[in-house]
């Protein structure tokens, strides 16, 4: 395992307050690499979004 992290987060971490979608943000490959989160708010759409993302990572 290479400890790669992919995580959608909505905690109000002050360090990420400059992210356009704050408090929503995305940890891309590590805890320190954070960008905007485009995860839909609706649960069904969010699940589809995540599954498509994971498929892209796997293949």
N, C-alpha and C. Protein backbone atom coordinates (compact mmCIF):
# COMPACT_ATOMS: atom_id res chain seq x y z
N UNK A 1 0.84 -1.17 0.00
CA UNK A 1 0.00 0.00 0.00
C UNK A 1 0.89 1.25 0.00
N UNK A 2 0.50 2.25 -0.77
CA UNK A 2 1.34 3.44 -0.90
C UNK A 2 0.85 4.65 -0.09
N UNK A 3 -0.15 4.47 0.76
CA UNK A 3 -0.68 5.52 1.64
C UNK A 3 -1.31 6.69 0.89
N UNK A 4 -1.72 6.48 -0.36
CA UNK A 4 -2.40 7.52 -1.11
C UNK A 4 -3.77 7.79 -0.49
N UNK A 5 -4.12 9.05 -0.38
CA UNK A 5 -5.39 9.46 0.23
C UNK A 5 -6.21 10.22 -0.81
N UNK A 6 -7.46 9.83 -0.95
CA UNK A 6 -8.45 10.60 -1.70
C UNK A 6 -9.61 10.78 -0.74
N UNK A 7 -9.92 12.04 -0.40
CA UNK A 7 -10.97 12.23 0.61
C UNK A 7 -11.71 13.54 0.36
N UNK A 8 -13.03 13.43 0.36
CA UNK A 8 -13.88 14.61 0.33
C UNK A 8 -14.18 14.97 1.77
N UNK A 9 -14.06 16.22 2.10
CA UNK A 9 -14.10 16.65 3.48
C UNK A 9 -14.93 17.93 3.58
N UNK A 10 -15.68 18.08 4.66
CA UNK A 10 -16.43 19.32 4.85
C UNK A 10 -16.16 19.93 6.24
N UNK A 11 -15.10 19.48 6.88
CA UNK A 11 -14.73 20.07 8.16
C UNK A 11 -14.16 21.47 7.93
N UNK A 12 -14.46 22.38 8.82
CA UNK A 12 -14.05 23.78 8.66
C UNK A 12 -12.62 24.00 9.13
N UNK A 13 -11.68 23.34 8.46
CA UNK A 13 -10.27 23.52 8.79
C UNK A 13 -9.84 24.91 8.32
N UNK A 14 -9.43 25.76 9.24
CA UNK A 14 -9.04 27.13 8.90
C UNK A 14 -7.93 27.18 7.85
N UNK A 15 -7.06 26.19 7.86
CA UNK A 15 -5.94 26.19 6.92
C UNK A 15 -6.44 26.14 5.46
N UNK A 16 -7.66 25.63 5.23
CA UNK A 16 -8.19 25.51 3.87
C UNK A 16 -9.26 26.57 3.57
N UNK A 17 -9.31 27.63 4.36
CA UNK A 17 -10.36 28.63 4.19
C UNK A 17 -10.27 29.39 2.87
N UNK A 18 -9.15 29.31 2.19
CA UNK A 18 -9.01 29.98 0.89
C UNK A 18 -9.49 29.13 -0.28
N UNK A 19 -9.87 27.90 -0.01
CA UNK A 19 -10.41 27.04 -1.07
C UNK A 19 -11.79 27.57 -1.44
N UNK A 20 -12.03 27.73 -2.73
CA UNK A 20 -13.26 28.37 -3.21
C UNK A 20 -14.53 27.72 -2.67
N UNK A 21 -14.52 26.41 -2.44
CA UNK A 21 -15.72 25.70 -1.99
C UNK A 21 -15.74 25.47 -0.48
N UNK A 22 -14.89 26.19 0.26
CA UNK A 22 -14.81 26.05 1.72
C UNK A 22 -16.19 26.11 2.34
N UNK A 23 -16.51 25.24 3.28
CA UNK A 23 -15.64 24.29 3.96
C UNK A 23 -15.44 22.98 3.20
N UNK A 24 -16.14 22.79 2.12
CA UNK A 24 -16.01 21.56 1.33
C UNK A 24 -14.69 21.60 0.56
N UNK A 25 -13.92 20.52 0.67
CA UNK A 25 -12.65 20.44 -0.03
C UNK A 25 -12.30 18.98 -0.29
N UNK A 26 -11.32 18.78 -1.14
CA UNK A 26 -10.92 17.45 -1.57
C UNK A 26 -9.43 17.25 -1.33
N UNK A 27 -9.09 16.20 -0.61
CA UNK A 27 -7.69 15.83 -0.39
C UNK A 27 -7.30 14.90 -1.54
N UNK A 28 -6.40 15.37 -2.38
CA UNK A 28 -6.02 14.64 -3.59
C UNK A 28 -4.63 14.04 -3.46
N UNK A 29 -4.59 12.79 -3.15
CA UNK A 29 -3.38 11.97 -3.01
C UNK A 29 -2.64 12.13 -1.68
N UNK A 30 -2.91 13.23 -0.94
CA UNK A 30 -2.27 13.39 0.37
C UNK A 30 -3.09 14.37 1.21
N UNK A 31 -2.83 14.39 2.50
CA UNK A 31 -3.54 15.31 3.39
C UNK A 31 -3.23 16.77 3.08
N UNK A 32 -2.05 17.03 2.53
CA UNK A 32 -1.61 18.40 2.29
C UNK A 32 -1.97 18.94 0.91
N UNK A 33 -2.41 18.10 0.01
CA UNK A 33 -2.78 18.53 -1.34
C UNK A 33 -4.29 18.66 -1.41
N UNK A 34 -4.79 19.88 -1.23
CA UNK A 34 -6.22 20.13 -1.12
C UNK A 34 -6.68 21.03 -2.26
N UNK A 35 -7.87 20.72 -2.78
CA UNK A 35 -8.45 21.53 -3.84
C UNK A 35 -9.95 21.65 -3.62
N UNK A 36 -10.62 22.35 -4.54
CA UNK A 36 -12.07 22.49 -4.46
C UNK A 36 -12.74 21.13 -4.51
N UNK A 37 -13.89 21.04 -3.89
CA UNK A 37 -14.68 19.81 -3.92
C UNK A 37 -15.87 20.01 -4.85
N UNK A 38 -16.02 19.09 -5.79
CA UNK A 38 -17.15 19.14 -6.71
C UNK A 38 -18.13 18.00 -6.42
N UNK A 39 -18.02 17.44 -5.23
CA UNK A 39 -18.90 16.35 -4.82
C UNK A 39 -20.32 16.90 -4.67
N UNK A 40 -21.28 16.32 -5.39
CA UNK A 40 -22.67 16.78 -5.27
C UNK A 40 -23.20 16.60 -3.85
N UNK A 41 -24.13 17.44 -3.46
CA UNK A 41 -24.73 17.37 -2.13
C UNK A 41 -25.79 16.28 -2.01
N UNK A 42 -26.43 15.94 -3.12
CA UNK A 42 -27.46 14.91 -3.10
C UNK A 42 -26.78 13.54 -2.97
N UNK A 43 -27.19 12.70 -2.01
CA UNK A 43 -26.51 11.42 -1.76
C UNK A 43 -26.39 10.51 -2.99
N UNK A 44 -27.45 10.36 -3.76
CA UNK A 44 -27.38 9.47 -4.92
C UNK A 44 -26.40 10.00 -5.96
N UNK A 45 -26.40 11.30 -6.19
CA UNK A 45 -25.46 11.89 -7.14
C UNK A 45 -24.04 11.82 -6.61
N UNK A 46 -23.88 12.00 -5.30
CA UNK A 46 -22.55 11.91 -4.70
C UNK A 46 -21.98 10.50 -4.84
N UNK A 47 -22.81 9.50 -4.60
CA UNK A 47 -22.34 8.12 -4.73
C UNK A 47 -21.91 7.82 -6.16
N UNK A 48 -22.70 8.24 -7.13
CA UNK A 48 -22.34 8.02 -8.54
C UNK A 48 -21.03 8.74 -8.86
N UNK A 49 -20.88 9.97 -8.38
CA UNK A 49 -19.67 10.75 -8.60
C UNK A 49 -18.44 10.01 -8.06
N UNK A 50 -18.56 9.50 -6.84
CA UNK A 50 -17.45 8.77 -6.20
C UNK A 50 -17.13 7.49 -6.95
N UNK A 51 -18.16 6.74 -7.35
CA UNK A 51 -17.91 5.49 -8.08
C UNK A 51 -17.23 5.74 -9.42
N UNK A 52 -17.62 6.78 -10.12
CA UNK A 52 -16.95 7.13 -11.38
C UNK A 52 -15.50 7.53 -11.10
N UNK A 53 -15.27 8.28 -10.03
CA UNK A 53 -13.91 8.67 -9.64
C UNK A 53 -13.05 7.44 -9.36
N UNK A 54 -13.58 6.52 -8.56
CA UNK A 54 -12.83 5.30 -8.21
C UNK A 54 -12.55 4.47 -9.46
N UNK A 55 -13.50 4.36 -10.33
CA UNK A 55 -13.28 3.62 -11.58
C UNK A 55 -12.11 4.23 -12.35
N UNK A 56 -12.05 5.55 -12.39
CA UNK A 56 -10.95 6.22 -13.08
C UNK A 56 -9.59 5.96 -12.43
N UNK A 57 -9.57 5.84 -11.12
CA UNK A 57 -8.33 5.54 -10.40
C UNK A 57 -7.89 4.10 -10.65
N UNK A 58 -8.85 3.19 -10.64
CA UNK A 58 -8.54 1.77 -10.80
C UNK A 58 -8.04 1.46 -12.21
N UNK A 59 -8.69 2.05 -13.19
CA UNK A 59 -8.33 1.76 -14.58
C UNK A 59 -7.40 2.79 -15.08
